[in-house]
Amino acid sequence: MFRKPEDVRMTKEESEGYGQKINAPSAKYENVEFTSEETPAEEGRKTEKLSEEEIKKRVGEQNYKNIKDDKSIGSINS
């Protein structure tokens, strides 16, 4: 791509084209609606409830014990 010197301004058309090129990757996700039959792959996936053993394996047994024995109230904002 041709590079202009920094002190030269873009034309309106060049500026609009550049903006559209930069915005294109995120624009495809804007204003997207799904009907009830069409669900995105990630949202449509259902997961099984984890067993206590699986939770202990993932977070560590001591972390699991600490959270089970904790009598304090969690953050309201979380």
PDB file of N, CA and C in Angstrom:
ATOM      1  N   MET A   1       0.844  -1.180   0.000  1.00  0.00           N
ATOM      2  CA  MET A   1       0.000   0.000   0.000  1.00  0.00           C
ATOM      3  C   MET A   1       0.888   1.241   0.000  1.00  0.00           C
ATOM      4  N   PHE A   2       0.495   2.224  -0.774  1.00  0.00           N
ATOM      5  CA  PHE A   2       1.235   3.476  -0.866  1.00  0.00           C
ATOM      6  C   PHE A   2       1.134   4.233   0.454  1.00  0.00           C
ATOM      7  N   ARG A   3       2.273   4.704   0.951  1.00  0.00           N
ATOM      8  CA  ARG A   3       2.276   5.443   2.213  1.00  0.00           C
ATOM      9  C   ARG A   3       2.531   6.913   1.941  1.00  0.00           C
ATOM     10  N   LYS A   4       1.656   7.766   2.473  1.00  0.00           N
ATOM     11  CA  LYS A   4       1.802   9.207   2.316  1.00  0.00           C
ATOM     12  C   LYS A   4       2.696   9.751   3.419  1.00  0.00           C
ATOM     13  N   PRO A   5       3.325  10.872   3.154  1.00  0.00           N
ATOM     14  CA  PRO A   5       4.048  11.536   4.252  1.00  0.00           C
ATOM     15  C   PRO A   5       3.062  11.919   5.361  1.00  0.00           C
ATOM     16  N   GLU A   6       3.548  11.991   6.586  1.00  0.00           N
ATOM     17  CA  GLU A   6       2.663  12.237   7.722  1.00  0.00           C
ATOM     18  C   GLU A   6       1.991  13.605   7.695  1.00  0.00           C
ATOM     19  N   ASP A   7       2.595  14.569   7.049  1.00  0.00           N
ATOM     20  CA  ASP A   7       2.015  15.910   7.053  1.00  0.00           C
ATOM     21  C   ASP A   7       0.969  16.114   5.947  1.00  0.00           C
ATOM     22  N   VAL A   8       0.674  15.088   5.157  1.00  0.00           N
ATOM     23  CA  VAL A   8      -0.335  15.178   4.095  1.00  0.00           C
ATOM     24  C   VAL A   8      -1.635  14.573   4.608  1.00  0.00           C
ATOM     25  N   ARG A   9      -2.741  15.307   4.445  1.00  0.00           N
ATOM     26  CA  ARG A   9      -4.039  14.835   4.916  1.00  0.00           C
ATOM     27  C   ARG A   9      -4.688  13.901   3.905  1.00  0.00           C
ATOM     28  N   MET A  10      -5.526  12.993   4.405  1.00  0.00           N
ATOM     29  CA  MET A  10      -6.285  12.090   3.547  1.00  0.00           C
ATOM     30  C   MET A  10      -7.462  12.851   2.940  1.00  0.00           C
ATOM     31  N   THR A  11      -7.880  12.413   1.774  1.00  0.00           N
ATOM     32  CA  THR A  11      -9.106  12.968   1.209  1.00  0.00           C
ATOM     33  C   THR A  11     -10.282  12.342   1.954  1.00  0.00           C
ATOM     34  N   LYS A  12     -11.467  12.902   1.751  1.00  0.00           N
ATOM     35  CA  LYS A  12     -12.655  12.374   2.418  1.00  0.00           C
ATOM     36  C   LYS A  12     -12.896  10.921   1.995  1.00  0.00           C
ATOM     37  N   GLU A  13     -12.750  10.625   0.707  1.00  0.00           N
ATOM     38  CA  GLU A  13     -12.971   9.276   0.204  1.00  0.00           C
ATOM     39  C   GLU A  13     -11.958   8.293   0.791  1.00  0.00           C
ATOM     40  N   GLU A  14     -10.696   8.711   0.866  1.00  0.00           N
ATOM     41  CA  GLU A  14      -9.662   7.850   1.446  1.00  0.00           C
ATOM     42  C   GLU A  14      -9.949   7.581   2.918  1.00  0.00           C
ATOM     43  N   SER A  15     -10.366   8.628   3.621  1.00  0.00           N
ATOM     44  CA  SER A  15     -10.666   8.499   5.041  1.00  0.00           C
ATOM     45  C   SER A  15     -11.844   7.543   5.276  1.00  0.00           C
ATOM     46  N   GLU A  16     -12.900   7.678   4.470  1.00  0.00           N
ATOM     47  CA  GLU A  16     -14.057   6.796   4.610  1.00  0.00           C
ATOM     48  C   GLU A  16     -13.688   5.355   4.280  1.00  0.00           C
ATOM     49  N   GLY A  17     -12.911   5.160   3.213  1.00  0.00           N
ATOM     50  CA  GLY A  17     -12.479   3.813   2.844  1.00  0.00           C
ATOM     51  C   GLY A  17     -11.631   3.170   3.926  1.00  0.00           C
ATOM     52  N   TYR A  18     -10.731   3.958   4.515  1.00  0.00           N
ATOM     53  CA  TYR A  18      -9.882   3.456   5.590  1.00  0.00           C
ATOM     54  C   TYR A  18     -10.726   3.070   6.801  1.00  0.00           C
ATOM     55  N   GLY A  19     -11.690   3.915   7.158  1.00  0.00           N
ATOM     56  CA  GLY A  19     -12.569   3.637   8.292  1.00  0.00           C
ATOM     57  C   GLY A  19     -13.387   2.371   8.081  1.00  0.00           C
ATOM     58  N   GLN A  20     -13.900   2.181   6.861  1.00  0.00           N
ATOM     59  CA  GLN A  20     -14.684   0.982   6.570  1.00  0.00           C
ATOM     60  C   GLN A  20     -13.807  -0.265   6.633  1.00  0.00           C
ATOM     61  N   LYS A  21     -12.576  -0.153   6.157  1.00  0.00           N
ATOM     62  CA  LYS A  21     -11.653  -1.291   6.185  1.00  0.00           C
ATOM     63  C   LYS A  21     -11.322  -1.677   7.629  1.00  0.00           C
ATOM     64  N   ILE A  22     -11.088  -0.691   8.478  1.00  0.00           N
ATOM     65  CA  ILE A  22     -10.759  -0.951   9.882  1.00  0.00           C
ATOM     66  C   ILE A  22     -11.976  -1.513  10.627  1.00  0.00           C
ATOM     67  N   ASN A  23     -13.171  -1.029  10.309  1.00  0.00           N
ATOM     68  CA  ASN A  23     -14.393  -1.417  11.014  1.00  0.00           C
ATOM     69  C   ASN A  23     -14.979  -2.740  10.532  1.00  0.00           C
ATOM     70  N   ALA A  24     -14.584  -3.214   9.370  1.00  0.00           N
ATOM     71  CA  ALA A  24     -15.204  -4.400   8.764  1.00  0.00           C
ATOM     72  C   ALA A  24     -15.204  -5.636   9.663  1.00  0.00           C
ATOM     73  N   PRO A  25     -14.097  -5.988  10.348  1.00  0.00           N
ATOM     74  CA  PRO A  25     -14.139  -7.200  11.182  1.00  0.00           C
ATOM     75  C   PRO A  25     -15.178  -7.147  12.302  1.00  0.00           C
ATOM     76  N   SER A  26     -15.357  -5.983  12.937  1.00  0.00           N
ATOM     77  CA  SER A  26     -16.330  -5.908  14.030  1.00  0.00           C
ATOM     78  C   SER A  26     -17.740  -5.630  13.522  1.00  0.00           C
ATOM     79  N   ALA A  27     -17.868  -5.039  12.345  1.00  0.00           N
ATOM     80  CA  ALA A  27     -19.193  -4.706  11.815  1.00  0.00           C
ATOM     81  C   ALA A  27     -20.022  -5.941  11.530  1.00  0.00           C
ATOM     82  N   LYS A  28     -19.384  -7.057  11.219  1.00  0.00           N
ATOM     83  CA  LYS A  28     -20.159  -8.254  10.907  1.00  0.00           C
ATOM     84  C   LYS A  28     -20.882  -8.809  12.125  1.00  0.00           C
ATOM     85  N   TYR A  29     -20.515  -8.374  13.336  1.00  0.00           N
ATOM     86  CA  TYR A  29     -21.167  -8.848  14.558  1.00  0.00           C
ATOM     87  C   TYR A  29     -22.222  -7.868  15.080  1.00  0.00           C
ATOM     88  N   GLU A  30     -22.349  -6.701  14.475  1.00  0.00           N
ATOM     89  CA  GLU A  30     -23.316  -5.715  14.934  1.00  0.00           C
ATOM     90  C   GLU A  30     -24.690  -6.015  14.362  1.00  0.00           C
ATOM     91  N   ASN A  31     -25.708  -5.725  15.136  1.00  0.00           N
ATOM     92  CA  ASN A  31     -27.101  -5.873  14.712  1.00  0.00           C
ATOM     93  C   ASN A  31     -27.406  -7.270  14.179  1.00  0.00           C
ATOM     94  N   VAL A  32     -26.892  -8.269  14.831  1.00  0.00           N
ATOM     95  CA  VAL A  32     -27.157  -9.641  14.428  1.00  0.00           C
ATOM     96  C   VAL A  32     -28.288 -10.184  15.293  1.00  0.00           C
ATOM     97  N   GLU A  33     -29.328 -10.694  14.649  1.00  0.00           N
ATOM     98  CA  GLU A  33     -30.453 -11.266  15.380  1.00  0.00           C
ATOM     99  C   GLU A  33     -30.591 -12.740  15.022  1.00  0.00           C
ATOM    100  N   PHE A  34     -30.986 -13.528  15.995  1.00  0.00           N
ATOM    101  CA  PHE A  34     -31.190 -14.950  15.784  1.00  0.00           C
ATOM    102  C   PHE A  34     -32.641 -15.287  16.092  1.00  0.00           C
ATOM    103  N   THR A  35     -33.229 -16.084  15.253  1.00  0.00           N
ATOM    104  CA  THR A  35     -34.587 -16.536  15.534  1.00  0.00           C
ATOM    105  C   THR A  35     -34.501 -17.677  16.539  1.00  0.00           C
ATOM    106  N   SER A  36     -35.636 -18.107  17.039  1.00  0.00           N
ATOM    107  CA  SER A  36     -35.615 -19.157  18.058  1.00  0.00           C
ATOM    108  C   SER A  36     -35.053 -20.463  17.502  1.00  0.00           C
ATOM    109  N   GLU A  37     -35.208 -20.713  16.204  1.00  0.00           N
ATOM    110  CA  GLU A  37     -34.672 -21.937  15.618  1.00  0.00           C
ATOM    111  C   GLU A  37     -33.156 -21.855  15.430  1.00  0.00           C
ATOM    112  N   GLU A  38     -32.659 -20.662  15.201  1.00  0.00           N
ATOM    113  CA  GLU A  38     -31.229 -20.486  14.960  1.00  0.00           C
ATOM    114  C   GLU A  38     -30.562 -19.997  16.243  1.00  0.00           C
ATOM    115  N   THR A  39     -29.732 -20.800  16.827  1.00  0.00           N
ATOM    116  CA  THR A  39     -28.976 -20.368  17.993  1.00  0.00           C
ATOM    117  C   THR A  39     -27.506 -20.508  17.675  1.00  0.00           C
ATOM    118  N   PRO A  40     -26.697 -19.549  18.114  1.00  0.00           N
ATOM    119  CA  PRO A  40     -25.263 -19.679  17.891  1.00  0.00           C
ATOM    120  C   PRO A  40     -24.729 -20.943  18.559  1.00  0.00           C
ATOM    121  N   ALA A  41     -23.682 -21.499  18.017  1.00  0.00           N
ATOM    122  CA  ALA A  41     -23.134 -22.760  18.510  1.00  0.00           C
ATOM    123  C   ALA A  41     -22.778 -22.683  19.994  1.00  0.00           C
ATOM    124  N   GLU A  42     -22.180 -21.591  20.427  1.00  0.00           N
ATOM    125  CA  GLU A  42     -21.764 -21.483  21.827  1.00  0.00           C
ATOM    126  C   GLU A  42     -22.971 -21.410  22.766  1.00  0.00           C
ATOM    127  N   GLU A  43     -23.993 -20.646  22.405  1.00  0.00           N
ATOM    128  CA  GLU A  43     -25.143 -20.496  23.279  1.00  0.00           C
ATOM    129  C   GLU A  43     -26.045 -21.736  23.261  1.00  0.00           C
ATOM    130  N   GLY A  44     -26.042 -22.456  22.171  1.00  0.00           N
ATOM    131  CA  GLY A  44     -26.901 -23.611  22.048  1.00  0.00           C
ATOM    132  C   GLY A  44     -26.390 -24.832  22.780  1.00  0.00           C
ATOM    133  N   ARG A  45     -25.141 -24.781  23.210  1.00  0.00           N
ATOM    134  CA  ARG A  45     -24.541 -25.933  23.874  1.00  0.00           C
ATOM    135  C   ARG A  45     -25.024 -26.045  25.318  1.00  0.00           C
ATOM    136  N   LYS A  46     -25.423 -27.216  25.714  1.00  0.00           N
ATOM    137  CA  LYS A  46     -25.833 -27.444  27.101  1.00  0.00           C
ATOM    138  C   LYS A  46     -24.751 -28.269  27.776  1.00  0.00           C
ATOM    139  N   THR A  47     -24.457 -27.904  29.005  1.00  0.00           N
ATOM    140  CA  THR A  47     -23.430 -28.637  29.738  1.00  0.00           C
ATOM    141  C   THR A  47     -24.062 -29.364  30.911  1.00  0.00           C
ATOM    142  N   GLU A  48     -23.462 -30.458  31.275  1.00  0.00           N
ATOM    143  CA  GLU A  48     -23.940 -31.216  32.421  1.00  0.00           C
ATOM    144  C   GLU A  48     -23.437 -30.574  33.704  1.00  0.00           C
ATOM    145  N   LYS A  49     -24.170 -30.776  34.787  1.00  0.00           N
ATOM    146  CA  LYS A  49     -23.752 -30.267  36.078  1.00  0.00           C
ATOM    147  C   LYS A  49     -22.510 -31.034  36.525  1.00  0.00           C
ATOM    148  N   LEU A  50     -21.509 -30.299  37.021  1.00  0.00           N
ATOM    149  CA  LEU A  50     -20.262 -30.933  37.450  1.00  0.00           C
ATOM    150  C   LEU A  50     -20.435 -31.600  38.804  1.00  0.00           C
ATOM    151  N   SER A  51     -19.784 -32.725  38.961  1.00  0.00           N
ATOM    152  CA  SER A  51     -19.797 -33.401  40.252  1.00  0.00           C
ATOM    153  C   SER A  51     -18.811 -32.703  41.193  1.00  0.00           C
ATOM    154  N   GLU A  52     -18.947 -32.978  42.496  1.00  0.00           N
ATOM    155  CA  GLU A  52     -18.031 -32.377  43.461  1.00  0.00           C
ATOM    156  C   GLU A  52     -16.595 -32.787  43.192  1.00  0.00           C
ATOM    157  N   GLU A  53     -16.404 -34.025  42.779  1.00  0.00           N
ATOM    158  CA  GLU A  53     -15.042 -34.509  42.478  1.00  0.00           C
ATOM    159  C   GLU A  53     -14.436 -33.761  41.297  1.00  0.00           C
ATOM    160  N   GLU A  54     -15.250 -33.500  40.274  1.00  0.00           N
ATOM    161  CA  GLU A  54     -14.760 -32.778  39.102  1.00  0.00           C
ATOM    162  C   GLU A  54     -14.417 -31.332  39.472  1.00  0.00           C
ATOM    163  N   ILE A  55     -15.225 -30.714  40.317  1.00  0.00           N
ATOM    164  CA  ILE A  55     -14.953 -29.346  40.763  1.00  0.00           C
ATOM    165  C   ILE A  55     -13.652 -29.311  41.549  1.00  0.00           C
ATOM    166  N   LYS A  56     -13.465 -30.267  42.475  1.00  0.00           N
ATOM    167  CA  LYS A  56     -12.230 -30.339  43.261  1.00  0.00           C
ATOM    168  C   LYS A  56     -11.021 -30.496  42.346  1.00  0.00           C
ATOM    169  N   LYS A  57     -11.166 -31.309  41.318  1.00  0.00           N
ATOM    170  CA  LYS A  57     -10.065 -31.537  40.390  1.00  0.00           C
ATOM    171  C   LYS A  57      -9.711 -30.260  39.622  1.00  0.00           C
ATOM    172  N   ARG A  58     -10.724 -29.472  39.268  1.00  0.00           N
ATOM    173  CA  ARG A  58     -10.491 -28.262  38.483  1.00  0.00           C
ATOM    174  C   ARG A  58      -9.955 -27.100  39.317  1.00  0.00           C
ATOM    175  N   VAL A  59     -10.491 -26.909  40.524  1.00  0.00           N
ATOM    176  CA  VAL A  59     -10.093 -25.745  41.322  1.00  0.00           C
ATOM    177  C   VAL A  59      -9.084 -26.076  42.414  1.00  0.00           C
ATOM    178  N   GLY A  60      -8.895 -27.321  42.685  1.00  0.00           N
ATOM    179  CA  GLY A  60      -8.000 -27.734  43.765  1.00  0.00           C
ATOM    180  C   GLY A  60      -8.802 -28.038  45.010  1.00  0.00           C
ATOM    181  N   GLU A  61      -8.403 -29.081  45.709  1.00  0.00           N
ATOM    182  CA  GLU A  61      -9.186 -29.537  46.857  1.00  0.00           C
ATOM    183  C   GLU A  61      -9.220 -28.496  47.979  1.00  0.00           C
ATOM    184  N   GLN A  62      -8.090 -27.840  48.255  1.00  0.00           N
ATOM    185  CA  GLN A  62      -8.063 -26.859  49.343  1.00  0.00           C
ATOM    186  C   GLN A  62      -8.929 -25.640  49.007  1.00  0.00           C
ATOM    187  N   ASN A  63      -8.909 -25.178  47.769  1.00  0.00           N
ATOM    188  CA  ASN A  63      -9.785 -24.067  47.374  1.00  0.00           C
ATOM    189  C   ASN A  63     -11.245 -24.452  47.533  1.00  0.00           C
ATOM    190  N   TYR A  64     -11.578 -25.671  47.173  1.00  0.00           N
ATOM    191  CA  TYR A  64     -12.948 -26.158  47.311  1.00  0.00           C
ATOM    192  C   TYR A  64     -13.366 -26.176  48.783  1.00  0.00           C
ATOM    193  N   LYS A  65     -12.486 -26.679  49.660  1.00  0.00           N
ATOM    194  CA  LYS A  65     -12.794 -26.711  51.095  1.00  0.00           C
ATOM    195  C   LYS A  65     -12.958 -25.301  51.651  1.00  0.00           C
ATOM    196  N   ASN A  66     -12.075 -24.385  51.238  1.00  0.00           N
ATOM    197  CA  ASN A  66     -12.141 -23.013  51.739  1.00  0.00           C
ATOM    198  C   ASN A  66     -13.456 -22.343  51.372  1.00  0.00           C
ATOM    199  N   ILE A  67     -13.920 -22.553  50.173  1.00  0.00           N
ATOM    200  CA  ILE A  67     -15.154 -21.904  49.738  1.00  0.00           C
ATOM    201  C   ILE A  67     -16.366 -22.558  50.392  1.00  0.00           C
ATOM    202  N   LYS A  68     -16.327 -23.865  50.627  1.00  0.00           N
ATOM    203  CA  LYS A  68     -17.439 -24.556  51.271  1.00  0.00           C
ATOM    204  C   LYS A  68     -17.578 -24.133  52.737  1.00  0.00           C
ATOM    205  N   ASP A  69     -16.444 -23.902  53.422  1.00  0.00           N
ATOM    206  CA  ASP A  69     -16.455 -23.546  54.834  1.00  0.00           C
ATOM    207  C   ASP A  69     -16.602 -22.045  55.072  1.00  0.00           C
ATOM    208  N   ASP A  70     -16.555 -21.253  54.027  1.00  0.00           N
ATOM    209  CA  ASP A  70     -16.589 -19.796  54.162  1.00  0.00           C
ATOM    210  C   ASP A  70     -17.988 -19.338  54.551  1.00  0.00           C
ATOM    211  N   LYS A  71     -18.086 -18.600  55.637  1.00  0.00           N
ATOM    212  CA  LYS A  71     -19.371 -18.109  56.118  1.00  0.00           C
ATOM    213  C   LYS A  71     -19.658 -16.682  55.662  1.00  0.00           C
ATOM    214  N   SER A  72     -18.704 -16.042  54.982  1.00  0.00           N
ATOM    215  CA  SER A  72     -18.904 -14.655  54.582  1.00  0.00           C
ATOM    216  C   SER A  72     -19.776 -14.577  53.329  1.00  0.00           C
ATOM    217  N   ILE A  73     -20.377 -13.407  53.135  1.00  0.00           N
ATOM    218  CA  ILE A  73     -21.218 -13.158  51.972  1.00  0.00           C
ATOM    219  C   ILE A  73     -20.321 -12.720  50.820  1.00  0.00           C
ATOM    220  N   GLY A  74     -20.584 -13.242  49.655  1.00  0.00           N
ATOM    221  CA  GLY A  74     -19.810 -12.867  48.484  1.00  0.00           C
ATOM    222  C   GLY A  74     -20.110 -11.444  48.044  1.00  0.00           C
ATOM    223  N   SER A  75     -19.336 -10.951  47.127  1.00  0.00           N
ATOM    224  CA  SER A  75     -19.530  -9.595  46.619  1.00  0.00           C
ATOM    225  C   SER A  75     -20.880  -9.493  45.931  1.00  0.00           C
ATOM    226  N   ILE A  76     -21.555  -8.396  46.170  1.00  0.00           N
ATOM    227  CA  ILE A  76     -22.856  -8.175  45.551  1.00  0.00           C
ATOM    228  C   ILE A  76     -22.683  -7.936  44.052  1.00  0.00           C
ATOM    229  N   ASN A  77     -21.567  -7.358  43.662  1.00  0.00           N
ATOM    230  CA  ASN A  77     -21.354  -6.994  42.260  1.00  0.00           C
ATOM    231  C   ASN A  77     -20.818  -8.128  41.410  1.00  0.00           C
ATOM    232  N   SER A  78     -20.551  -9.261  41.978  1.00  0.00           N
ATOM    233  CA  SER A  78     -19.963 -10.326  41.157  1.00  0.00           C
ATOM    234  C   SER A  78     -20.980 -11.348  40.757  1.00  0.00           C
TER     235      SER A  78
END
